[in-house]
Amino acid sequence: MDFQQQSRRELTGAEAGRRLDAMDLFEEVVRMRRAGQRGALATIVHTNGSIPSFESSRMLVREDGSTAGTVGGGCVEADVWAAAKEVMQSEVPRKLVFHLNNEASYDNGLICGGTVEVFVEPVLPQPMVYLFGGGHVSIAVAKAAQAAGFGVGVIDDREAFANPTRFPMAQELYTSFEQAFERLQPNGASYLVIVTRGHKEDMRVLAWAVRTKARYVGMIGSRRKVLSVYKALEKEGYRMEEFERVFAPMGLEIGALSPEEIALSIVSELVAVRRNVMGAAHKKLKLEVNSTIEK
């Protein structure tokens, strides 16, 4: 089965989603973004000749393959669906141009003639940085993260460190780690940054964070500190392999010293992860296959 055939098969399996044609697609886009879900919105931006739809027709493709709306049906829609899946992963919009002819074989029974242009754009949730710890580094990270387009949440068990005066840009504030653990549901748009005031709190947060679905889990500290936290959690039943996804020490190698420089290093790493940059100079410890750690 080739990719187009597979696309058509999955598209057919999403017919239930297509029945939501009457819904407001933009309301669904807002709902998806708030829920941390990806998707892609396809819009017919230009037509010429006889086509099975009209300008401004739209189709929303969700990450699970289900759809709402339509851009005309047939293999055009199947091709748009396939492109939408690629767009939501690459996060780069595309314009598709279809030159339709009058042969039924071209479009699986759909006979038409003309040209249709479809613009496919990604629907992405706002990436959220959750700062566990409200110290000087967190303030600097919050400012840099906001400038880079991230939403900001702050968690600290001291109200004097997690409040709107100290973090005016924060969209969410928690004054209890347990409260945050209960209420937060990290997803592919969540970036968890652990910068608490001590090893005990760091370990407590990491024990929760490493088993979430967050896109990024990072912890500040020296390599020795990171190693000691990993080993302590290993004694509590965690597998060393679970820490392979953790960026610790977090940040990129830029020689950072001041809180502001450290924040730039950390946010640069967040951006690198968000944009799927390969080969960035991460400071994180590397876990070996035999579960030992490279010092």
C-alpha atoms as a PDB file:
ATOM      1  CA  MET A   1       0.000   0.000   0.000  1.00  0.00           C
ATOM      2  CA  ASP A   2       1.550   3.333  -1.050  1.00  0.00           C
ATOM      3  CA  PHE A   3       1.398   6.479   1.091  1.00  0.00           C
ATOM      4  CA  GLN A   4      -1.520   8.002  -0.840  1.00  0.00           C
ATOM      5  CA  GLN A   5      -3.553   4.818  -0.484  1.00  0.00           C
ATOM      6  CA  GLN A   6      -2.783   4.733   3.222  1.00  0.00           C
ATOM      7  CA  SER A   7      -3.804   8.380   3.511  1.00  0.00           C
ATOM      8  CA  ARG A   8      -7.136   7.674   1.805  1.00  0.00           C
ATOM      9  CA  ARG A   9      -7.753   4.713   4.068  1.00  0.00           C
ATOM     10  CA  GLU A  10      -7.082   6.711   7.236  1.00  0.00           C
ATOM     11  CA  LEU A  11      -9.108   9.619   5.889  1.00  0.00           C
ATOM     12  CA  THR A  12     -12.076   7.281   5.308  1.00  0.00           C
ATOM     13  CA  GLY A  13     -11.700   6.102   8.890  1.00  0.00           C
ATOM     14  CA  ALA A  14     -12.131   9.684  10.059  1.00  0.00           C
ATOM     15  CA  GLU A  15     -15.569  10.204   8.502  1.00  0.00           C
ATOM     16  CA  ALA A  16     -17.082  10.728  11.939  1.00  0.00           C
ATOM     17  CA  GLY A  17     -14.878  13.765  12.393  1.00  0.00           C
ATOM     18  CA  ARG A  18     -15.906  15.151   9.011  1.00  0.00           C
ATOM     19  CA  ARG A  19     -19.538  15.257  10.096  1.00  0.00           C
ATOM     20  CA  LEU A  20     -18.631  18.219  12.262  1.00  0.00           C
ATOM     21  CA  ASP A  21     -18.834  20.450   9.168  1.00  0.00           C
ATOM     22  CA  ALA A  22     -21.300  22.795  10.843  1.00  0.00           C
ATOM     23  CA  MET A  23     -19.005  23.524  13.750  1.00  0.00           C
ATOM     24  CA  ASP A  24     -17.008  26.691  13.925  1.00  0.00           C
ATOM     25  CA  LEU A  25     -13.554  25.499  12.898  1.00  0.00           C
ATOM     26  CA  PHE A  26     -11.883  28.443  14.560  1.00  0.00           C
ATOM     27  CA  GLU A  27     -13.487  27.590  17.895  1.00  0.00           C
ATOM     28  CA  GLU A  28     -12.125  24.083  17.464  1.00  0.00           C
ATOM     29  CA  VAL A  29      -8.685  25.516  16.730  1.00  0.00           C
ATOM     30  CA  VAL A  30      -8.840  27.486  19.993  1.00  0.00           C
ATOM     31  CA  ARG A  31      -9.950  24.382  21.887  1.00  0.00           C
ATOM     32  CA  MET A  32      -7.120  22.325  20.414  1.00  0.00           C
ATOM     33  CA  ARG A  33      -4.489  24.915  21.269  1.00  0.00           C
ATOM     34  CA  ARG A  34      -5.715  25.144  24.852  1.00  0.00           C
ATOM     35  CA  ALA A  35      -5.617  21.363  25.129  1.00  0.00           C
ATOM     36  CA  GLY A  36      -2.052  21.265  23.822  1.00  0.00           C
ATOM     37  CA  GLN A  37      -3.049  19.484  20.619  1.00  0.00           C
ATOM     38  CA  ARG A  38      -1.489  19.895  17.186  1.00  0.00           C
ATOM     39  CA  GLY A  39      -3.258  20.094  13.876  1.00  0.00           C
ATOM     40  CA  ALA A  40      -3.253  21.795  10.495  1.00  0.00           C
ATOM     41  CA  LEU A  41      -5.796  24.049   8.790  1.00  0.00           C
ATOM     42  CA  ALA A  42      -6.151  23.789   5.007  1.00  0.00           C
ATOM     43  CA  THR A  43      -7.831  26.676   3.185  1.00  0.00           C
ATOM     44  CA  ILE A  44      -8.638  27.017  -0.520  1.00  0.00           C
ATOM     45  CA  VAL A  45      -7.099  30.394  -1.376  1.00  0.00           C
ATOM     46  CA  HIS A  46      -7.560  30.465  -5.164  1.00  0.00           C
ATOM     47  CA  THR A  47      -9.624  28.667  -7.769  1.00  0.00           C
ATOM     48  CA  ASN A  48      -9.867  28.755 -11.523  1.00  0.00           C
ATOM     49  CA  GLY A  49     -12.294  26.810 -13.674  1.00  0.00           C
ATOM     50  CA  SER A  50     -14.604  24.022 -12.522  1.00  0.00           C
ATOM     51  CA  ILE A  51     -13.679  22.569  -9.150  1.00  0.00           C
ATOM     52  CA  PRO A  52     -15.680  20.589  -6.555  1.00  0.00           C
ATOM     53  CA  SER A  53     -15.505  23.335  -3.927  1.00  0.00           C
ATOM     54  CA  PHE A  54     -15.102  27.109  -3.604  1.00  0.00           C
ATOM     55  CA  GLU A  55     -12.640  29.658  -2.292  1.00  0.00           C
ATOM     56  CA  SER A  56     -12.307  29.891   1.485  1.00  0.00           C
ATOM     57  CA  SER A  57     -13.448  26.287   1.986  1.00  0.00           C
ATOM     58  CA  ARG A  58     -11.498  24.871   4.893  1.00  0.00           C
ATOM     59  CA  MET A  59     -10.556  21.525   6.366  1.00  0.00           C
ATOM     60  CA  LEU A  60      -9.075  21.036   9.810  1.00  0.00           C
ATOM     61  CA  VAL A  61      -6.878  17.982  10.288  1.00  0.00           C
ATOM     62  CA  ARG A  62      -6.169  16.868  13.839  1.00  0.00           C
ATOM     63  CA  GLU A  63      -3.084  15.019  15.018  1.00  0.00           C
ATOM     64  CA  ASP A  64      -5.028  11.747  15.273  1.00  0.00           C
ATOM     65  CA  GLY A  65      -6.000  12.017  11.597  1.00  0.00           C
ATOM     66  CA  SER A  66      -9.622  13.023  12.125  1.00  0.00           C
ATOM     67  CA  THR A  67     -10.956  15.962  10.138  1.00  0.00           C
ATOM     68  CA  ALA A  68     -13.643  18.652  10.176  1.00  0.00           C
ATOM     69  CA  GLY A  69     -14.756  20.610   7.131  1.00  0.00           C
ATOM     70  CA  THR A  70     -13.797  19.851   3.545  1.00  0.00           C
ATOM     71  CA  VAL A  71     -11.793  21.158   0.615  1.00  0.00           C
ATOM     72  CA  GLY A  72     -13.665  19.201  -2.029  1.00  0.00           C
ATOM     73  CA  GLY A  73     -13.163  15.495  -1.538  1.00  0.00           C
ATOM     74  CA  GLY A  74     -11.465  12.918  -3.746  1.00  0.00           C
ATOM     75  CA  CYS A  75      -7.724  12.596  -4.103  1.00  0.00           C
ATOM     76  CA  VAL A  76      -7.282  16.360  -3.666  1.00  0.00           C
ATOM     77  CA  GLU A  77      -8.539  16.034  -0.131  1.00  0.00           C
ATOM     78  CA  ALA A  78      -6.435  12.918   0.435  1.00  0.00           C
ATOM     79  CA  ASP A  79      -3.327  14.768  -0.741  1.00  0.00           C
ATOM     80  CA  VAL A  80      -4.178  17.778   1.424  1.00  0.00           C
ATOM     81  CA  TRP A  81      -4.684  15.462   4.390  1.00  0.00           C
ATOM     82  CA  ALA A  82      -1.257  13.900   3.849  1.00  0.00           C
ATOM     83  CA  ALA A  83       0.359  17.337   3.517  1.00  0.00           C
ATOM     84  CA  ALA A  84      -1.412  18.510   6.677  1.00  0.00           C
ATOM     85  CA  LYS A  85       0.123  15.639   8.651  1.00  0.00           C
ATOM     86  CA  GLU A  86       3.563  16.722   7.456  1.00  0.00           C
ATOM     87  CA  VAL A  87       2.902  20.406   8.155  1.00  0.00           C
ATOM     88  CA  MET A  88       1.870  19.834  11.753  1.00  0.00           C
ATOM     89  CA  GLN A  89       5.111  17.946  12.360  1.00  0.00           C
ATOM     90  CA  SER A  90       7.462  20.323  10.543  1.00  0.00           C
ATOM     91  CA  GLU A  91       5.558  23.407  11.802  1.00  0.00           C
ATOM     92  CA  VAL A  92       6.158  24.969   8.370  1.00  0.00           C
ATOM     93  CA  PRO A  93       3.171  26.038   6.201  1.00  0.00           C
ATOM     94  CA  ARG A  94       2.827  24.890   2.582  1.00  0.00           C
ATOM     95  CA  LYS A  95       0.872  25.898  -0.505  1.00  0.00           C
ATOM     96  CA  LEU A  96      -0.416  23.117  -2.731  1.00  0.00           C
ATOM     97  CA  VAL A  97      -1.473  23.632  -6.347  1.00  0.00           C
ATOM     98  CA  PHE A  98      -3.702  21.083  -8.089  1.00  0.00           C
ATOM     99  CA  HIS A  99      -4.289  21.119 -11.840  1.00  0.00           C
ATOM    100  CA  LEU A 100      -7.425  19.042 -12.232  1.00  0.00           C
ATOM    101  CA  ASN A 101      -8.406  17.458 -15.535  1.00  0.00           C
ATOM    102  CA  ASN A 102     -11.567  15.856 -16.864  1.00  0.00           C
ATOM    103  CA  GLU A 103     -10.438  12.280 -16.440  1.00  0.00           C
ATOM    104  CA  ALA A 104     -12.271  10.338 -13.781  1.00  0.00           C
ATOM    105  CA  SER A 105      -9.186   8.198 -13.189  1.00  0.00           C
ATOM    106  CA  TYR A 106      -7.290  11.201 -11.853  1.00  0.00           C
ATOM    107  CA  ASP A 107      -9.555  11.863  -8.945  1.00  0.00           C
ATOM    108  CA  ASN A 108     -11.089   8.547  -8.004  1.00  0.00           C
ATOM    109  CA  GLY A 109     -14.332   9.270  -9.850  1.00  0.00           C
ATOM    110  CA  LEU A 110     -14.383  13.029  -9.358  1.00  0.00           C
ATOM    111  CA  ILE A 111     -14.656  14.669 -12.791  1.00  0.00           C
ATOM    112  CA  CYS A 112     -13.747  18.344 -12.905  1.00  0.00           C
ATOM    113  CA  GLY A 113     -11.436  20.755 -14.642  1.00  0.00           C
ATOM    114  CA  GLY A 114      -9.520  23.726 -13.324  1.00  0.00           C
ATOM    115  CA  THR A 115      -6.894  24.775 -10.800  1.00  0.00           C
ATOM    116  CA  VAL A 116      -7.152  24.967  -7.052  1.00  0.00           C
ATOM    117  CA  GLU A 117      -4.585  26.347  -4.608  1.00  0.00           C
ATOM    118  CA  VAL A 118      -4.684  25.222  -0.997  1.00  0.00           C
ATOM    119  CA  PHE A 119      -2.749  26.855   1.832  1.00  0.00           C
ATOM    120  CA  VAL A 120      -1.973  24.486   4.715  1.00  0.00           C
ATOM    121  CA  GLU A 121      -0.844  26.057   7.996  1.00  0.00           C
ATOM    122  CA  PRO A 122       0.046  24.412  11.298  1.00  0.00           C
ATOM    123  CA  VAL A 123      -2.194  24.709  14.331  1.00  0.00           C
ATOM    124  CA  LEU A 124       0.110  24.650  17.322  1.00  0.00           C
ATOM    125  CA  PRO A 125      -0.493  25.163  21.034  1.00  0.00           C
ATOM    126  CA  GLN A 126       1.485  27.915  22.704  1.00  0.00           C
ATOM    127  CA  PRO A 127       4.547  26.294  24.273  1.00  0.00           C
ATOM    128  CA  MET A 128       4.436  26.666  28.060  1.00  0.00           C
ATOM    129  CA  VAL A 129       7.483  26.866  30.304  1.00  0.00           C
ATOM    130  CA  TYR A 130       6.779  25.792  33.870  1.00  0.00           C
ATOM    131  CA  LEU A 131       9.444  27.072  36.240  1.00  0.00           C
ATOM    132  CA  PHE A 132       9.743  25.037  39.408  1.00  0.00           C
ATOM    133  CA  GLY A 133      11.415  27.539  41.692  1.00  0.00           C
ATOM    134  CA  GLY A 134      11.057  31.309  41.792  1.00  0.00           C
ATOM    135  CA  GLY A 135      14.616  32.517  42.366  1.00  0.00           C
ATOM    136  CA  HIS A 136      16.789  34.961  40.433  1.00  0.00           C
ATOM    137  CA  VAL A 137      17.496  32.512  37.601  1.00  0.00           C
ATOM    138  CA  SER A 138      13.779  31.821  37.194  1.00  0.00           C
ATOM    139  CA  ILE A 139      13.012  35.528  36.852  1.00  0.00           C
ATOM    140  CA  ALA A 140      15.610  35.836  34.094  1.00  0.00           C
ATOM    141  CA  VAL A 141      14.368  32.644  32.387  1.00  0.00           C
ATOM    142  CA  ALA A 142      10.762  33.878  32.549  1.00  0.00           C
ATOM    143  CA  LYS A 143      11.672  37.145  30.831  1.00  0.00           C
ATOM    144  CA  ALA A 144      13.737  35.455  28.105  1.00  0.00           C
ATOM    145  CA  ALA A 145      11.155  32.703  27.570  1.00  0.00           C
ATOM    146  CA  GLN A 146       8.336  35.204  27.174  1.00  0.00           C
ATOM    147  CA  ALA A 147      10.392  37.135  24.626  1.00  0.00           C
ATOM    148  CA  ALA A 148      10.893  33.879  22.706  1.00  0.00           C
ATOM    149  CA  GLY A 149       7.159  33.228  22.518  1.00  0.00           C
ATOM    150  CA  PHE A 150       6.680  30.851  25.434  1.00  0.00           C
ATOM    151  CA  GLY A 151       3.915  31.126  27.994  1.00  0.00           C
ATOM    152  CA  VAL A 152       5.161  31.087  31.583  1.00  0.00           C
ATOM    153  CA  GLY A 153       4.001  29.267  34.706  1.00  0.00           C
ATOM    154  CA  VAL A 154       5.759  29.497  38.078  1.00  0.00           C
ATOM    155  CA  ILE A 155       5.665  27.025  40.947  1.00  0.00           C
ATOM    156  CA  ASP A 156       7.275  27.644  44.339  1.00  0.00           C
ATOM    157  CA  ASP A 157       6.169  26.602  47.819  1.00  0.00           C
ATOM    158  CA  ARG A 158       6.948  30.113  49.062  1.00  0.00           C
ATOM    159  CA  GLU A 159       4.303  32.667  48.198  1.00  0.00           C
ATOM    160  CA  ALA A 160       6.897  35.426  48.422  1.00  0.00           C
ATOM    161  CA  PHE A 161       8.649  33.803  45.436  1.00  0.00           C
ATOM    162  CA  ALA A 162       5.610  32.887  43.323  1.00  0.00           C
ATOM    163  CA  ASN A 163       3.409  35.934  42.959  1.00  0.00           C
ATOM    164  CA  PRO A 164       2.268  38.391  40.244  1.00  0.00           C
ATOM    165  CA  THR A 165       4.564  41.144  41.500  1.00  0.00           C
ATOM    166  CA  ARG A 166       7.656  39.004  41.075  1.00  0.00           C
ATOM    167  CA  PHE A 167       6.425  37.337  37.859  1.00  0.00           C
ATOM    168  CA  PRO A 168       4.028  39.749  36.123  1.00  0.00           C
ATOM    169  CA  MET A 169       4.290  37.719  32.888  1.00  0.00           C
ATOM    170  CA  ALA A 170       3.170  34.451  34.515  1.00  0.00           C
ATOM    171  CA  GLN A 171      -0.046  32.951  33.157  1.00  0.00           C
ATOM    172  CA  GLU A 172      -0.160  30.412  35.980  1.00  0.00           C
ATOM    173  CA  LEU A 173       1.097  30.584  39.561  1.00  0.00           C
ATOM    174  CA  TYR A 174       1.199  27.795  42.148  1.00  0.00           C
ATOM    175  CA  THR A 175       2.396  28.051  45.749  1.00  0.00           C
ATOM    176  CA  SER A 176       2.471  24.306  46.349  1.00  0.00           C
ATOM    177  CA  PHE A 177       4.396  21.641  44.465  1.00  0.00           C
ATOM    178  CA  GLU A 178       1.722  19.071  45.258  1.00  0.00           C
ATOM    179  CA  GLN A 179      -0.975  21.368  43.927  1.00  0.00           C
ATOM    180  CA  ALA A 180       0.961  21.772  40.693  1.00  0.00           C
ATOM    181  CA  PHE A 181       1.492  18.014  40.377  1.00  0.00           C
ATOM    182  CA  GLU A 182      -2.250  17.449  40.730  1.00  0.00           C
ATOM    183  CA  ARG A 183      -3.426  20.192  38.389  1.00  0.00           C
ATOM    184  CA  LEU A 184      -0.819  20.234  35.638  1.00  0.00           C
ATOM    185  CA  GLN A 185      -1.115  17.774  32.779  1.00  0.00           C
ATOM    186  CA  PRO A 186       2.104  18.249  30.794  1.00  0.00           C
ATOM    187  CA  ASN A 187       1.882  17.489  27.077  1.00  0.00           C
ATOM    188  CA  GLY A 188       3.917  17.953  23.930  1.00  0.00           C
ATOM    189  CA  ALA A 189       3.820  21.735  24.378  1.00  0.00           C
ATOM    190  CA  SER A 190       5.057  21.691  27.986  1.00  0.00           C
ATOM    191  CA  TYR A 191       8.617  22.522  29.039  1.00  0.00           C
ATOM    192  CA  LEU A 192       9.447  21.743  32.673  1.00  0.00           C
ATOM    193  CA  VAL A 193      12.387  23.682  34.100  1.00  0.00           C
ATOM    194  CA  ILE A 194      13.573  22.626  37.558  1.00  0.00           C
ATOM    195  CA  VAL A 195      15.374  25.406  39.418  1.00  0.00           C
ATOM    196  CA  THR A 196      14.275  24.956  43.034  1.00  0.00           C
ATOM    197  CA  ARG A 197      16.257  26.054  46.082  1.00  0.00           C
ATOM    198  CA  GLY A 198      17.773  22.663  46.927  1.00  0.00           C
ATOM    199  CA  HIS A 199      18.551  19.041  46.055  1.00  0.00           C
ATOM    200  CA  LYS A 200      15.546  17.704  47.984  1.00  0.00           C
ATOM    201  CA  GLU A 201      13.025  19.811  46.085  1.00  0.00           C
ATOM    202  CA  ASP A 202      14.797  19.190  42.776  1.00  0.00           C
ATOM    203  CA  MET A 203      14.587  15.436  43.299  1.00  0.00           C
ATOM    204  CA  ARG A 204      10.943  15.664  44.311  1.00  0.00           C
ATOM    205  CA  VAL A 205      10.007  17.597  41.186  1.00  0.00           C
ATOM    206  CA  LEU A 206      12.132  15.442  38.875  1.00  0.00           C
ATOM    207  CA  ALA A 207      10.526  12.260  40.233  1.00  0.00           C
ATOM    208  CA  TRP A 208       7.173  13.616  39.037  1.00  0.00           C
ATOM    209  CA  ALA A 209       8.338  15.365  35.865  1.00  0.00           C
ATOM    210  CA  VAL A 210      10.268  12.489  34.302  1.00  0.00           C
ATOM    211  CA  ARG A 211       7.113  10.372  34.094  1.00  0.00           C
ATOM    212  CA  THR A 212       4.973  13.040  32.448  1.00  0.00           C
ATOM    213  CA  LYS A 213       4.419  13.604  28.723  1.00  0.00           C
ATOM    214  CA  ALA A 214       6.255  16.925  28.744  1.00  0.00           C
ATOM    215  CA  ARG A 215       8.234  17.843  25.616  1.00  0.00           C
ATOM    216  CA  TYR A 216      11.164  18.952  27.773  1.00  0.00           C
ATOM    217  CA  VAL A 217      12.369  18.186  31.297  1.00  0.00           C
ATOM    218  CA  GLY A 218      15.455  20.078  32.478  1.00  0.00           C
ATOM    219  CA  MET A 219      17.198  20.506  35.816  1.00  0.00           C
ATOM    220  CA  ILE A 220      19.846  22.993  36.856  1.00  0.00           C
ATOM    221  CA  GLY A 221      22.966  22.027  38.782  1.00  0.00           C
ATOM    222  CA  SER A 222      26.463  20.629  38.512  1.00  0.00           C
ATOM    223  CA  ARG A 223      27.135  17.272  36.921  1.00  0.00           C
ATOM    224  CA  ARG A 224      27.910  15.882  40.377  1.00  0.00           C
ATOM    225  CA  LYS A 225      24.565  17.094  41.717  1.00  0.00           C
ATOM    226  CA  VAL A 226      22.700  15.637  38.755  1.00  0.00           C
ATOM    227  CA  LEU A 227      24.447  12.313  39.200  1.00  0.00           C
ATOM    228  CA  SER A 228      23.588  12.197  42.905  1.00  0.00           C
ATOM    229  CA  VAL A 229      19.904  12.963  42.189  1.00  0.00           C
ATOM    230  CA  TYR A 230      19.737  10.241  39.539  1.00  0.00           C
ATOM    231  CA  LYS A 231      21.309   7.681  41.866  1.00  0.00           C
ATOM    232  CA  ALA A 232      18.999   8.632  44.732  1.00  0.00           C
ATOM    233  CA  LEU A 233      15.943   8.182  42.522  1.00  0.00           C
ATOM    234  CA  GLU A 234      17.327   4.906  41.210  1.00  0.00           C
ATOM    235  CA  LYS A 235      17.271   3.620  44.791  1.00  0.00           C
ATOM    236  CA  GLU A 236      13.594   4.577  44.934  1.00  0.00           C
ATOM    237  CA  GLY A 237      12.753   2.352  41.973  1.00  0.00           C
ATOM    238  CA  TYR A 238      13.423   4.562  38.957  1.00  0.00           C
ATOM    239  CA  ARG A 239      15.330   3.065  36.048  1.00  0.00           C
ATOM    240  CA  MET A 240      18.396   4.965  34.911  1.00  0.00           C
ATOM    241  CA  GLU A 241      17.045   4.801  31.345  1.00  0.00           C
ATOM    242  CA  GLU A 242      14.169   7.055  32.414  1.00  0.00           C
ATOM    243  CA  PHE A 243      16.610   9.936  32.762  1.00  0.00           C
ATOM    244  CA  GLU A 244      17.794   9.749  29.148  1.00  0.00           C
ATOM    245  CA  ARG A 245      15.156  12.343  28.228  1.00  0.00           C
ATOM    246  CA  VAL A 246      16.221  14.745  30.983  1.00  0.00           C
ATOM    247  CA  PHE A 247      18.369  17.755  30.124  1.00  0.00           C
ATOM    248  CA  ALA A 248      20.606  18.034  33.153  1.00  0.00           C
ATOM    249  CA  PRO A 249      22.662  20.030  33.645  1.00  0.00           C
ATOM    250  CA  MET A 250      20.327  22.015  31.424  1.00  0.00           C
ATOM    251  CA  GLY A 251      21.252  24.687  28.927  1.00  0.00           C
ATOM    252  CA  LEU A 252      23.599  25.027  25.989  1.00  0.00           C
ATOM    253  CA  GLU A 253      27.346  25.456  26.361  1.00  0.00           C
ATOM    254  CA  ILE A 254      27.881  29.223  26.055  1.00  0.00           C
ATOM    255  CA  GLY A 255      30.086  29.844  29.109  1.00  0.00           C
ATOM    256  CA  ALA A 256      27.198  31.398  31.058  1.00  0.00           C
ATOM    257  CA  LEU A 257      27.910  32.768  34.546  1.00  0.00           C
ATOM    258  CA  SER A 258      25.365  35.414  35.553  1.00  0.00           C
ATOM    259  CA  PRO A 259      21.651  34.622  36.070  1.00  0.00           C
ATOM    260  CA  GLU A 260      20.867  36.442  32.819  1.00  0.00           C
ATOM    261  CA  GLU A 261      23.477  34.485  30.879  1.00  0.00           C
ATOM    262  CA  ILE A 262      22.297  31.214  32.416  1.00  0.00           C
ATOM    263  CA  ALA A 263      18.751  32.127  31.377  1.00  0.00           C
ATOM    264  CA  LEU A 264      19.899  32.680  27.790  1.00  0.00           C
ATOM    265  CA  SER A 265      21.598  29.281  27.853  1.00  0.00           C
ATOM    266  CA  ILE A 266      18.448  27.576  29.140  1.00  0.00           C
ATOM    267  CA  VAL A 267      15.996  29.329  26.812  1.00  0.00           C
ATOM    268  CA  SER A 268      18.302  28.673  23.864  1.00  0.00           C
ATOM    269  CA  GLU A 269      18.028  24.981  24.694  1.00  0.00           C
ATOM    270  CA  LEU A 270      14.233  25.238  24.928  1.00  0.00           C
ATOM    271  CA  VAL A 271      14.140  26.795  21.462  1.00  0.00           C
ATOM    272  CA  ALA A 272      16.508  24.140  20.090  1.00  0.00           C
ATOM    273  CA  VAL A 273      14.238  21.382  21.407  1.00  0.00           C
ATOM    274  CA  ARG A 274      11.127  23.137  20.147  1.00  0.00           C
ATOM    275  CA  ARG A 275      12.612  23.527  16.656  1.00  0.00           C
ATOM    276  CA  ASN A 276      14.095  20.008  16.596  1.00  0.00           C
ATOM    277  CA  VAL A 277      17.620  21.298  16.092  1.00  0.00           C
ATOM    278  CA  MET A 278      20.135  18.488  15.877  1.00  0.00           C
ATOM    279  CA  GLY A 279      23.692  18.807  17.096  1.00  0.00           C
ATOM    280  CA  ALA A 280      23.224  21.662  19.585  1.00  0.00           C
ATOM    281  CA  ALA A 281      25.877  21.827  22.318  1.00  0.00           C
ATOM    282  CA  HIS A 282      23.789  20.556  25.232  1.00  0.00           C
ATOM    283  CA  LYS A 283      25.377  20.314  28.673  1.00  0.00           C
ATOM    284  CA  LYS A 284      23.313  17.293  29.725  1.00  0.00           C
ATOM    285  CA  LEU A 285      24.870  14.126  31.075  1.00  0.00           C
ATOM    286  CA  LYS A 286      24.907  11.260  28.610  1.00  0.00           C
ATOM    287  CA  LEU A 287      23.597   7.901  29.762  1.00  0.00           C
ATOM    288  CA  GLU A 288      25.403   4.824  28.521  1.00  0.00           C
ATOM    289  CA  VAL A 289      23.670   1.638  27.365  1.00  0.00           C
ATOM    290  CA  ASN A 290      24.881  -0.236  30.450  1.00  0.00           C
ATOM    291  CA  SER A 291      23.081   2.345  32.642  1.00  0.00           C
ATOM    292  CA  THR A 292      26.264   4.069  33.758  1.00  0.00           C
ATOM    293  CA  ILE A 293      26.688   7.783  33.400  1.00  0.00           C
ATOM    294  CA  GLU A 294      29.368   9.565  31.451  1.00  0.00           C
ATOM    295  CA  LYS A 295      31.064  11.958  33.842  1.00  0.00           C
END
